[in-house]
Amino acid sequence: MRGKLAALSILAVCLCAPNAFAHTNDGQVSDPWEGTNRHLFALHEGIDKAVLEPIARGYRAVTPHFFRTGVTNFLNNLRSPVIFINDALQAHPKRAGTTAARFGINTTVGVLGLFDPASHMGLERHDEDFGQTLATWGVGSGPFVWIPVLGPSNVRDSIGSVVDIAFDPLTWATFDEADETRAIRTVIGGVSTREGLLDEVASVRENSIDPYVTFRSTYGLVRESAINNGPANVEQLPDFDAVPETDVTSPTVDSAPPAPQISPGATTPKVGPKAGGKK
């Protein structure tokens, strides 16, 4: 149930904020709650360094790369129904067809999604979520928020993550031990995601003057790219050295060198500033 309680709390606060979903200019992040966010970021960093990062490093140490790739493929395949629904809601039938075909091929030929033969057939994976769908419908991103353990987000995407939970067939499954299955998937997904970000997060902590600003900027860039069906991986985006300091709207914090990836916990990263642009 990633982000559900956090998103509901944010929604309650924003009901009193008439401009909560106002659009920001392309390339800008709205962070009116920066003081609170920085406290939450500090809490997140403490939890991550004490618990999440050690678990992720242990997972990397005891498993071979091909095993971790299989886990990632399996989790990506389970997410296909959510991606398909958002493809359809965004009126992208070709992308929806690709998602459906990938799911069918990888579930069967790919042994329940452990392998990804669909990509070798030219059916490249893409990701969609309801936060992106809302953006294509013209909904602004709203203020940036930092959710401990889960990482960077904003009001629109936090609410979108709750809707994605409702889209997920596993949410409504009633087979024996369904609750345990959902919990196991959540834990495995969190560990897998954090393991995939070990090097990037370590680089930000070591090299950034202000990691909070770096994570915030990178998250926004990744999400803006995703909304516009651009590169899904931040490493494919333009060199961040070329991003002007005005990309970060906070006037009180010096811009730090951006990093090549987002902070732990974001879905699909979701990855990655989070503008409310349209596709």
Protein backbone atom coordinates (compact mmCIF):
# COMPACT_ATOMS: atom_id res chain seq x y z
CA MET A 1 0.00 0.00 0.00
CA ARG A 2 2.82 2.33 -0.95
CA GLY A 3 2.17 5.94 -0.07
CA LYS A 4 -1.52 5.50 0.76
CA LEU A 5 -1.61 7.05 4.22
CA ALA A 6 0.85 9.74 3.24
CA ALA A 7 -1.18 10.67 0.18
CA LEU A 8 -4.41 10.88 2.14
CA SER A 9 -2.77 13.15 4.72
CA ILE A 10 -1.40 15.38 1.99
CA LEU A 11 -4.81 15.53 0.34
CA ALA A 12 -6.41 16.64 3.59
CA VAL A 13 -3.92 19.48 3.95
CA CYS A 14 -4.37 20.58 0.35
CA LEU A 15 -8.13 20.85 0.60
CA CYS A 16 -7.40 24.10 2.42
CA ALA A 17 -4.90 25.27 -0.20
CA PRO A 18 -6.69 26.73 -3.24
CA ASN A 19 -3.52 26.79 -5.37
CA ALA A 20 -2.31 23.34 -4.41
CA PHE A 21 -2.66 21.99 -7.94
CA ALA A 22 -1.62 25.11 -9.79
CA HIS A 23 0.74 24.49 -12.67
CA THR A 24 4.38 25.40 -12.29
CA ASN A 25 6.47 26.50 -15.23
CA ASP A 26 8.31 23.73 -17.06
CA GLY A 27 11.47 22.80 -15.23
CA GLN A 28 10.42 24.16 -11.86
CA VAL A 29 9.57 22.50 -8.57
CA SER A 30 7.13 24.08 -6.14
CA ASP A 31 8.38 23.54 -2.59
CA PRO A 32 6.44 25.83 -0.21
CA TRP A 33 6.77 23.21 2.56
CA GLU A 34 10.55 23.05 2.34
CA GLY A 35 11.13 23.46 6.07
CA THR A 36 8.92 20.48 6.92
CA ASN A 37 10.25 18.51 3.96
CA ARG A 38 13.82 18.95 5.14
CA HIS A 39 12.91 17.58 8.57
CA LEU A 40 11.22 14.60 6.89
CA PHE A 41 14.25 14.16 4.63
CA ALA A 42 16.52 14.05 7.68
CA LEU A 43 14.26 11.40 9.23
CA HIS A 44 14.31 9.45 5.98
CA GLU A 45 18.11 9.58 5.79
CA GLY A 46 18.40 8.26 9.33
CA ILE A 47 16.07 5.34 8.60
CA ASP A 48 17.75 4.63 5.29
CA LYS A 49 21.29 4.57 6.66
CA ALA A 50 20.31 2.46 9.67
CA VAL A 51 17.94 -0.02 8.02
CA LEU A 52 17.16 0.25 4.31
CA GLU A 53 20.65 0.66 2.88
CA PRO A 54 22.21 -2.17 4.93
CA ILE A 55 19.44 -4.54 3.85
CA ALA A 56 19.88 -3.54 0.21
CA ARG A 57 23.65 -4.02 0.41
CA GLY A 58 23.15 -7.41 2.02
CA TYR A 59 20.74 -8.37 -0.76
CA ARG A 60 23.32 -7.37 -3.37
CA ALA A 61 26.08 -9.25 -1.56
CA VAL A 62 24.29 -12.59 -1.33
CA THR A 63 22.54 -12.70 -4.71
CA PRO A 64 24.02 -12.90 -8.23
CA HIS A 65 23.14 -10.25 -10.78
CA PHE A 66 21.00 -12.59 -12.90
CA PHE A 67 18.87 -13.39 -9.84
CA ARG A 68 18.26 -9.69 -9.09
CA THR A 69 17.41 -9.09 -12.74
CA GLY A 70 14.84 -11.88 -12.60
CA VAL A 71 13.26 -10.36 -9.48
CA THR A 72 13.05 -6.96 -11.17
CA ASN A 73 11.52 -8.50 -14.29
CA PHE A 74 8.95 -10.36 -12.19
CA LEU A 75 7.93 -7.23 -10.29
CA ASN A 76 7.73 -5.20 -13.52
CA ASN A 77 5.48 -7.84 -15.05
CA LEU A 78 3.12 -7.76 -12.06
CA ARG A 79 2.74 -4.03 -12.60
CA SER A 80 1.59 -4.44 -16.21
CA PRO A 81 -2.18 -4.18 -15.51
CA VAL A 82 -1.67 -0.80 -13.82
CA ILE A 83 0.41 0.44 -16.75
CA PHE A 84 -2.19 -0.83 -19.23
CA ILE A 85 -5.05 1.02 -17.50
CA ASN A 86 -3.08 4.27 -17.43
CA ASP A 87 -2.09 3.83 -21.10
CA ALA A 88 -5.80 3.54 -21.92
CA LEU A 89 -6.79 6.50 -19.75
CA GLN A 90 -4.20 8.61 -21.56
CA ALA A 91 -5.69 7.56 -24.91
CA HIS A 92 -2.56 5.76 -26.12
CA PRO A 93 -3.90 2.56 -27.72
CA LYS A 94 -0.58 1.61 -29.29
CA ARG A 95 1.24 1.80 -25.96
CA ALA A 96 -1.61 -0.06 -24.27
CA GLY A 97 -1.30 -2.79 -26.90
CA THR A 98 2.44 -3.03 -26.29
CA THR A 99 1.85 -3.37 -22.55
CA ALA A 100 -0.77 -6.09 -23.06
CA ALA A 101 1.46 -7.99 -25.50
CA ARG A 102 4.44 -7.76 -23.17
CA PHE A 103 2.37 -9.10 -20.29
CA GLY A 104 1.12 -12.06 -22.31
CA ILE A 105 4.55 -12.96 -23.70
CA ASN A 106 6.53 -12.50 -20.51
CA THR A 107 3.98 -14.31 -18.36
CA THR A 108 4.07 -17.36 -20.63
CA VAL A 109 7.33 -17.55 -22.57
CA GLY A 110 9.10 -15.56 -19.89
CA VAL A 111 8.08 -17.94 -17.09
CA LEU A 112 5.75 -15.72 -15.05
CA GLY A 113 7.80 -12.66 -15.92
CA LEU A 114 11.17 -13.85 -14.62
CA PHE A 115 12.57 -13.29 -18.11
CA ASP A 116 11.85 -10.52 -20.59
CA PRO A 117 11.64 -12.06 -24.08
CA ALA A 118 9.20 -9.32 -25.15
CA SER A 119 12.00 -6.74 -25.17
CA HIS A 120 14.03 -8.97 -27.51
CA MET A 121 10.98 -9.02 -29.80
CA GLY A 122 11.02 -5.23 -30.05
CA LEU A 123 8.31 -4.62 -27.45
CA GLU A 124 10.15 -2.19 -25.20
CA ARG A 125 8.88 -1.64 -21.68
CA HIS A 126 7.54 1.72 -20.57
CA ASP A 127 6.03 2.80 -17.28
CA GLU A 128 2.86 4.76 -16.56
CA ASP A 129 1.06 5.70 -13.38
CA PHE A 130 -1.99 7.71 -12.43
CA GLY A 131 0.14 10.69 -11.47
CA GLN A 132 1.26 10.86 -15.10
CA THR A 133 -2.33 10.36 -16.23
CA LEU A 134 -3.49 13.30 -14.12
CA ALA A 135 -0.70 15.40 -15.64
CA THR A 136 -1.90 14.60 -19.17
CA TRP A 137 -5.38 15.69 -18.08
CA GLY A 138 -3.99 19.07 -17.08
CA VAL A 139 -3.65 18.60 -13.32
CA GLY A 140 -0.71 20.49 -11.87
CA SER A 141 1.88 18.77 -9.73
CA GLY A 142 1.14 20.66 -6.53
CA PRO A 143 3.77 21.14 -3.84
CA PHE A 144 6.77 18.88 -3.54
CA VAL A 145 6.67 16.49 -0.56
CA TRP A 146 9.22 14.17 0.99
CA ILE A 147 7.75 10.97 2.41
CA PRO A 148 10.05 9.11 4.82
CA VAL A 149 11.03 5.63 3.58
CA LEU A 150 9.24 6.20 0.26
CA GLY A 151 11.22 9.23 -0.89
CA PRO A 152 10.39 12.28 -3.04
CA SER A 153 6.94 12.93 -4.47
CA ASN A 154 4.37 15.70 -4.85
CA VAL A 155 0.68 16.08 -4.06
CA ARG A 156 -0.56 14.88 -7.45
CA ASP A 157 1.69 11.82 -7.57
CA SER A 158 0.99 10.86 -3.97
CA ILE A 159 -2.73 10.80 -4.68
CA GLY A 160 -2.05 9.03 -7.97
CA SER A 161 -0.20 6.26 -6.14
CA VAL A 162 -3.34 5.53 -4.11
CA VAL A 163 -5.40 5.24 -7.30
CA ASP A 164 -2.78 2.90 -8.79
CA ILE A 165 -3.26 0.63 -5.78
CA ALA A 166 -6.95 0.45 -6.67
CA PHE A 167 -6.03 -0.39 -10.29
CA ASP A 168 -3.84 -3.31 -9.20
CA PRO A 169 -5.71 -6.63 -9.44
CA LEU A 170 -3.68 -8.05 -6.56
CA THR A 171 -5.26 -5.45 -4.28
CA TRP A 172 -8.63 -7.13 -4.71
CA ALA A 173 -7.43 -10.74 -4.72
CA THR A 174 -9.13 -12.98 -2.16
CA PHE A 175 -7.16 -16.23 -2.43
CA ASP A 176 -5.68 -17.87 0.63
CA GLU A 177 -2.78 -15.87 2.09
CA ALA A 178 -3.50 -12.94 -0.24
CA ASP A 179 -2.53 -10.43 2.45
CA GLU A 180 0.78 -12.19 3.00
CA THR A 181 1.42 -12.22 -0.74
CA ARG A 182 0.79 -8.48 -1.01
CA ALA A 183 3.09 -7.81 1.94
CA ILE A 184 5.86 -9.97 0.51
CA ARG A 185 5.64 -8.22 -2.85
CA THR A 186 5.85 -4.83 -1.15
CA VAL A 187 8.92 -5.80 0.86
CA ILE A 188 10.71 -7.44 -2.07
CA GLY A 189 9.88 -4.49 -4.29
CA GLY A 190 11.28 -2.04 -1.76
CA VAL A 191 14.51 -3.98 -1.31
CA SER A 192 14.93 -4.42 -5.07
CA THR A 193 14.35 -0.72 -5.73
CA ARG A 194 16.75 0.37 -3.00
CA GLU A 195 19.43 -2.03 -4.25
CA GLY A 196 19.13 -0.53 -7.72
CA LEU A 197 19.82 2.94 -6.33
CA LEU A 198 22.75 2.12 -4.05
CA ASP A 199 25.46 3.63 -6.22
CA GLU A 200 23.49 6.70 -7.26
CA VAL A 201 22.42 7.63 -3.74
CA ALA A 202 25.94 7.09 -2.42
CA SER A 203 27.27 9.39 -5.14
CA VAL A 204 24.83 12.15 -4.21
CA ARG A 205 25.69 11.90 -0.51
CA GLU A 206 29.40 12.06 -1.29
CA ASN A 207 29.46 14.76 -3.95
CA SER A 208 26.42 17.00 -3.50
CA ILE A 209 26.61 20.21 -1.52
CA ASP A 210 22.92 19.86 -0.65
CA PRO A 211 21.57 16.32 -1.24
CA TYR A 212 17.99 17.44 -0.56
CA VAL A 213 18.08 19.90 -3.45
CA THR A 214 19.79 17.37 -5.70
CA PHE A 215 17.18 14.70 -5.04
CA ARG A 216 14.38 17.21 -5.47
CA SER A 217 15.71 18.49 -8.79
CA THR A 218 16.44 15.02 -10.13
CA TYR A 219 13.02 13.73 -9.14
CA GLY A 220 11.39 16.60 -10.96
CA LEU A 221 13.43 16.04 -14.11
CA VAL A 222 12.67 12.32 -14.16
CA ARG A 223 8.96 12.87 -13.67
CA GLU A 224 8.76 15.64 -16.27
CA SER A 225 10.46 13.32 -18.75
CA ALA A 226 8.09 10.46 -17.88
CA ILE A 227 5.01 12.65 -18.30
CA ASN A 228 6.19 13.55 -21.79
CA ASN A 229 7.05 9.93 -22.63
CA GLY A 230 10.72 10.80 -22.67
CA PRO A 231 13.64 8.77 -21.37
CA ALA A 232 12.57 6.60 -18.45
CA ASN A 233 16.09 6.50 -17.01
CA VAL A 234 17.61 9.71 -15.72
CA GLU A 235 20.97 8.65 -17.18
CA GLN A 236 19.45 9.22 -20.62
CA LEU A 237 18.53 12.81 -19.81
CA PRO A 238 20.72 15.80 -20.74
CA ASP A 239 23.77 16.59 -18.63
CA PHE A 240 22.50 18.11 -15.39
CA ASP A 241 25.37 20.59 -15.39
CA ALA A 242 23.38 22.41 -18.07
CA VAL A 243 20.30 22.77 -15.87
CA PRO A 244 20.01 26.39 -14.69
CA GLU A 245 19.77 27.09 -10.97
CA THR A 246 16.36 28.66 -11.53
CA ASP A 247 15.03 25.12 -12.05
CA VAL A 248 14.69 25.04 -8.27
CA THR A 249 12.18 27.61 -7.12
CA SER A 250 13.29 27.85 -3.50
CA PRO A 251 15.09 31.21 -3.14
CA THR A 252 16.75 30.28 0.14
CA VAL A 253 18.74 27.22 -0.83
CA ASP A 254 21.77 27.16 -3.08
CA SER A 255 21.45 24.77 -5.96
CA ALA A 256 23.60 21.68 -5.66
CA PRO A 257 25.12 19.57 -8.43
CA PRO A 258 22.39 17.23 -9.63
CA ALA A 259 22.71 13.49 -9.41
CA PRO A 260 22.18 10.75 -12.00
CA GLN A 261 19.31 9.06 -10.17
CA ILE A 262 16.57 9.64 -7.59
CA SER A 263 16.44 8.85 -3.91
CA PRO A 264 15.37 5.44 -2.59
CA GLY A 265 11.70 4.55 -2.48
CA ALA A 266 10.29 6.45 -5.36
CA THR A 267 8.15 4.25 -7.84
CA THR A 268 8.76 3.96 -10.35
CA PRO A 269 11.08 6.39 -9.71
CA LYS A 270 8.78 6.35 -10.29
CA VAL A 271 11.80 8.11 -10.57
CA GLY A 272 12.77 11.42 -10.99
CA PRO A 273 11.10 18.84 -11.92
CA LYS A 274 7.79 17.41 -11.74
CA ALA A 275 5.87 19.72 -13.93
CA GLY A 276 2.25 19.28 -14.77
CA GLY A 277 2.96 19.20 -18.47
CA LYS A 278 0.91 17.39 -21.04
CA LYS A 279 1.95 14.64 -23.36
